[in-house]
Amino acid sequence: MIRWFLAVLALALFVAAPPVDAGDIAGVVRVKGSIPPADVVRATTDLAVCGAASRAAIPVRLGSDNALADAVAFIAHERLDDWRVPSTTFVMDQRGCEFVPRILVIPPGATLEVRNSDRSLHNFHTLSELNPRMNFAQRAGGRPRQVRFEQPEFVPVICDVHGTGFMRAWIVVAAHPYYAVTDTNGQFRLPGVPQGPHTLAVWHERLGRVTVPVTVGAEGEVRLDILFPGAAAEQK
């Protein structure tokens, strides 16, 4: 837990200090309307570890007032090449036949440690487009593997061992420091965003993407209430 907290803290400190003329963008992401039932998946092997119960292939985690967790909020503009990569090592574990965390934001060039804490074989298979793809097995009790991604993109990750679609995750290789994953209350904060007009994008692996214009002014903080169209997004 402490290591995870330090990784999140390092992610918020990509740059040595925020610009002088900067402010925070904060807010909450909610879903408007209903969400159709998700497709379900079951493990095809290692049931003693993974369990025999079905689960949502792509879950939508909602809190009170339809607050949406696990969405990525970020400023939609080109990458910045002059910000510092933190020395902290980020971690993605395979635990309970799930990737933990399911959504992980890391900077380009950072070290990602891939672990297997289960009593069964897993594999770490990336379906990237801009970064070289990788696919390696990790046996139970095996040593962690350290990997890096150099190009910003949203990278799907799967494990092929326990059935198609049973284990999925995303590694978001950030193009700049202004990324955040919504918490269980749908909340996010992007600190130190330069003043001026921006486009804020919010992405969810099942519901798609919405964008809203936002202007950071001299008051130092902008608060937003962002709505996903729910069932309408399912039809895209």
Protein backbone atom coordinates (compact mmCIF):
# COMPACT_ATOMS: atom_id res chain seq x y z
CA MET A 1 0.00 0.00 0.00
CA ILE A 2 2.80 2.42 0.89
CA ARG A 3 4.59 1.67 -2.38
CA TRP A 4 1.37 2.23 -4.33
CA PHE A 5 0.85 5.58 -2.57
CA LEU A 6 4.39 6.67 -3.41
CA ALA A 7 3.85 5.73 -7.05
CA VAL A 8 0.68 7.85 -7.21
CA LEU A 9 2.49 10.71 -5.48
CA ALA A 10 5.34 10.50 -7.96
CA LEU A 11 2.87 10.60 -10.83
CA ALA A 12 1.54 13.91 -9.53
CA LEU A 13 5.10 15.27 -9.40
CA PHE A 14 6.19 14.64 -12.99
CA VAL A 15 7.62 18.15 -13.11
CA ALA A 16 9.85 19.78 -10.52
CA ALA A 17 7.30 22.55 -9.87
CA PRO A 18 4.04 23.66 -11.50
CA PRO A 19 4.12 26.73 -13.77
CA VAL A 20 3.76 30.07 -12.01
CA ASP A 21 0.62 30.84 -14.01
CA ALA A 22 -1.18 27.57 -13.29
CA GLY A 23 -4.15 26.14 -11.47
CA ASP A 24 -5.87 22.88 -10.65
CA ILE A 25 -8.66 21.22 -12.59
CA ALA A 26 -10.78 19.10 -10.26
CA GLY A 27 -14.18 17.54 -10.46
CA VAL A 28 -16.38 14.48 -10.42
CA VAL A 29 -17.40 12.12 -13.22
CA ARG A 30 -20.87 10.59 -13.22
CA VAL A 31 -22.97 8.42 -15.50
CA LYS A 32 -26.31 9.79 -16.69
CA GLY A 33 -28.92 7.12 -17.24
CA SER A 34 -28.76 3.35 -17.06
CA ILE A 35 -26.02 1.00 -18.16
CA PRO A 36 -26.92 -2.26 -19.93
CA PRO A 37 -25.71 -5.46 -18.27
CA ALA A 38 -22.12 -6.31 -19.07
CA ASP A 39 -20.94 -9.41 -20.90
CA VAL A 40 -19.72 -11.98 -18.38
CA VAL A 41 -16.64 -14.18 -18.41
CA ARG A 42 -15.51 -17.22 -16.42
CA ALA A 43 -12.13 -18.75 -15.79
CA THR A 44 -11.42 -21.83 -17.85
CA THR A 45 -8.64 -23.21 -15.65
CA ASP A 46 -7.15 -22.92 -12.16
CA LEU A 47 -10.61 -22.59 -10.62
CA ALA A 48 -9.19 -23.16 -7.14
CA VAL A 49 -7.35 -19.85 -7.52
CA CYS A 50 -9.58 -17.88 -9.86
CA GLY A 51 -12.95 -19.19 -8.68
CA ALA A 52 -15.79 -20.65 -10.73
CA ALA A 53 -18.09 -17.62 -10.55
CA SER A 54 -18.69 -15.40 -13.55
CA ARG A 55 -17.81 -11.71 -13.53
CA ALA A 56 -18.22 -8.68 -15.78
CA ALA A 57 -15.79 -8.70 -18.68
CA ILE A 58 -15.49 -4.91 -18.51
CA PRO A 59 -16.86 -3.68 -15.19
CA VAL A 60 -18.41 -0.28 -14.58
CA ARG A 61 -17.87 0.67 -10.93
CA LEU A 62 -20.42 3.20 -9.72
CA GLY A 63 -20.52 5.00 -6.39
CA SER A 64 -23.23 7.17 -4.88
CA ASP A 65 -25.13 9.37 -7.32
CA ASN A 66 -23.74 7.29 -10.21
CA ALA A 67 -20.17 8.46 -9.57
CA LEU A 68 -17.85 6.68 -12.02
CA ALA A 69 -14.60 5.08 -10.82
CA ASP A 70 -11.68 3.99 -13.01
CA ALA A 71 -12.07 6.72 -15.62
CA VAL A 72 -8.98 8.56 -16.88
CA ALA A 73 -9.22 12.37 -16.94
CA PHE A 74 -6.52 14.18 -18.89
CA ILE A 75 -5.71 17.27 -20.91
CA ALA A 76 -6.08 16.40 -24.59
CA HIS A 77 -3.05 17.98 -26.26
CA GLU A 78 0.32 16.94 -27.61
CA ARG A 79 3.02 15.38 -25.47
CA LEU A 80 5.58 17.39 -23.53
CA ASP A 81 9.18 16.22 -23.84
CA ASP A 82 10.78 18.44 -21.19
CA TRP A 83 9.24 17.04 -17.98
CA ARG A 84 11.07 14.86 -15.52
CA VAL A 85 10.35 11.15 -15.18
CA PRO A 86 10.13 10.12 -11.51
CA SER A 87 12.56 7.53 -10.20
CA THR A 88 9.74 5.66 -8.44
CA THR A 89 9.02 2.14 -9.70
CA PHE A 90 5.37 1.56 -10.61
CA VAL A 91 3.75 -1.82 -9.90
CA MET A 92 1.11 -3.94 -11.61
CA ASP A 93 0.31 -7.17 -9.78
CA GLN A 94 -1.62 -10.28 -10.82
CA ARG A 95 -3.66 -11.11 -7.76
CA GLY A 96 -6.87 -13.09 -7.42
CA CYS A 97 -6.75 -13.60 -11.19
CA GLU A 98 -7.04 -9.86 -11.73
CA PHE A 99 -4.58 -7.18 -12.70
CA VAL A 100 -4.11 -4.78 -9.79
CA PRO A 101 -4.60 -1.95 -10.49
CA ARG A 102 -6.80 -2.44 -13.52
CA ILE A 103 -6.03 1.10 -14.77
CA LEU A 104 -2.47 2.36 -14.25
CA VAL A 105 -1.05 5.69 -15.45
CA ILE A 106 2.73 5.89 -15.87
CA PRO A 107 5.11 8.34 -17.58
CA PRO A 108 7.13 7.29 -20.64
CA GLY A 109 10.40 5.63 -19.72
CA ALA A 110 9.38 4.83 -16.15
CA THR A 111 10.07 1.40 -14.69
CA LEU A 112 7.02 -0.84 -14.32
CA GLU A 113 7.41 -3.92 -12.15
CA VAL A 114 5.06 -6.74 -13.16
CA ARG A 115 4.33 -9.25 -10.39
CA ASN A 116 2.41 -12.49 -9.96
CA SER A 117 1.12 -12.95 -6.41
CA ASP A 118 -1.15 -15.87 -7.30
CA ARG A 119 -0.57 -19.60 -6.87
CA SER A 120 -0.96 -20.17 -10.60
CA LEU A 121 0.70 -19.37 -13.90
CA HIS A 122 -0.13 -16.05 -15.59
CA ASN A 123 1.17 -14.22 -18.63
CA PHE A 124 1.55 -10.49 -19.26
CA HIS A 125 0.51 -9.75 -22.84
CA THR A 126 0.39 -6.17 -24.13
CA LEU A 127 -1.56 -5.18 -27.25
CA SER A 128 0.19 -1.87 -27.82
CA GLU A 129 0.37 -0.05 -31.16
CA LEU A 130 3.15 2.50 -30.61
CA ASN A 131 5.30 0.53 -28.17
CA PRO A 132 6.83 -2.90 -28.87
CA ARG A 133 4.45 -5.64 -27.83
CA MET A 134 5.48 -8.04 -25.11
CA ASN A 135 4.18 -11.40 -23.94
CA PHE A 136 5.90 -13.30 -21.17
CA ALA A 137 4.83 -15.97 -18.70
CA GLN A 138 5.08 -15.59 -14.93
CA ARG A 139 4.91 -18.75 -12.88
CA ALA A 140 3.60 -18.86 -9.33
CA GLY A 141 6.21 -17.50 -6.96
CA GLY A 142 8.35 -16.27 -9.83
CA ARG A 143 10.47 -13.14 -9.73
CA PRO A 144 8.94 -9.82 -10.86
CA ARG A 145 9.75 -8.52 -14.33
CA GLN A 146 10.64 -4.90 -15.03
CA VAL A 147 9.47 -3.32 -18.27
CA ARG A 148 9.29 0.15 -19.84
CA PHE A 149 7.09 1.94 -22.35
CA GLU A 150 8.60 4.85 -24.25
CA GLN A 151 5.67 6.15 -26.34
CA PRO A 152 2.46 7.68 -24.95
CA GLU A 153 -0.61 5.53 -25.63
CA PHE A 154 -3.38 3.56 -23.94
CA VAL A 155 -2.04 0.00 -23.83
CA PRO A 156 -4.45 -2.95 -23.38
CA VAL A 157 -3.05 -5.78 -21.25
CA ILE A 158 -4.43 -9.31 -21.10
CA CYS A 159 -3.60 -12.70 -19.61
CA ASP A 160 -4.31 -15.53 -22.05
CA VAL A 161 -3.98 -18.41 -19.58
CA HIS A 162 -7.43 -18.38 -17.97
CA GLY A 163 -9.72 -17.76 -20.92
CA THR A 164 -10.40 -15.01 -23.43
CA GLY A 165 -11.24 -11.71 -21.76
CA PHE A 166 -11.03 -13.04 -18.20
CA MET A 167 -8.09 -10.86 -17.12
CA ARG A 168 -7.72 -7.36 -18.58
CA ALA A 169 -6.04 -4.11 -17.67
CA TRP A 170 -4.85 -0.86 -19.19
CA ILE A 171 -1.49 0.87 -18.89
CA VAL A 172 -1.91 4.53 -19.78
CA VAL A 173 1.46 5.87 -20.88
CA ALA A 174 0.96 9.58 -20.27
CA ALA A 175 1.90 12.24 -22.81
CA HIS A 176 2.33 14.88 -20.10
CA PRO A 177 1.80 15.29 -16.34
CA TYR A 178 -1.90 16.13 -16.50
CA TYR A 179 -3.58 12.72 -16.07
CA ALA A 180 -5.62 11.26 -13.19
CA VAL A 181 -7.78 8.19 -12.54
CA THR A 182 -11.11 8.79 -10.83
CA ASP A 183 -11.52 7.29 -7.37
CA THR A 184 -14.49 5.36 -5.99
CA ASN A 185 -16.37 8.68 -5.61
CA GLY A 186 -15.73 9.61 -9.23
CA GLN A 187 -13.37 12.40 -8.19
CA PHE A 188 -10.16 13.53 -9.88
CA ARG A 189 -7.67 16.39 -9.67
CA LEU A 190 -5.11 17.63 -12.20
CA PRO A 191 -2.66 19.92 -10.37
CA GLY A 192 -0.58 22.68 -11.92
CA VAL A 193 -2.32 22.99 -15.30
CA PRO A 194 -1.09 26.10 -17.17
CA GLN A 195 -3.56 28.97 -17.37
CA GLY A 196 -5.56 29.30 -20.54
CA PRO A 197 -8.07 27.28 -22.58
CA HIS A 198 -7.80 23.49 -22.72
CA THR A 199 -9.82 20.46 -23.73
CA LEU A 200 -10.38 17.98 -20.93
CA ALA A 201 -10.94 14.39 -22.04
CA VAL A 202 -12.37 11.61 -19.87
CA TRP A 203 -11.97 8.02 -21.01
CA HIS A 204 -13.52 4.81 -19.70
CA GLU A 205 -12.73 1.38 -21.09
CA ARG A 206 -16.39 0.47 -21.58
CA LEU A 207 -18.21 3.81 -21.88
CA GLY A 208 -15.84 5.47 -24.34
CA ARG A 209 -14.68 9.08 -24.21
CA VAL A 210 -16.19 12.50 -23.61
CA THR A 211 -14.52 15.90 -23.93
CA VAL A 212 -15.34 19.29 -22.41
CA PRO A 213 -13.73 22.71 -22.86
CA VAL A 214 -12.14 24.22 -19.75
CA THR A 215 -10.25 27.42 -19.07
CA VAL A 216 -7.81 27.73 -16.17
CA GLY A 217 -7.83 31.31 -14.92
CA ALA A 218 -6.12 33.41 -12.30
CA GLU A 219 -8.41 32.10 -9.54
CA GLY A 220 -6.30 28.96 -9.45
CA GLU A 221 -8.90 26.17 -9.52
CA VAL A 222 -11.64 25.03 -11.86
CA ARG A 223 -14.26 22.51 -10.75
CA LEU A 224 -16.22 20.42 -13.22
CA ASP A 225 -19.16 18.01 -13.10
CA ILE A 226 -18.78 15.67 -16.06
CA LEU A 227 -21.53 13.33 -17.27
CA PHE A 228 -21.13 10.19 -19.34
CA PRO A 229 -24.24 9.45 -21.40
CA GLY A 230 -24.43 5.89 -20.09
CA ALA A 231 -26.57 3.70 -22.33
CA ALA A 232 -25.99 6.00 -25.32
CA ALA A 233 -22.25 5.42 -25.04
CA GLU A 234 -22.81 1.66 -25.16
CA GLN A 235 -24.15 1.98 -28.69
CA LYS A 236 -21.04 3.66 -30.17
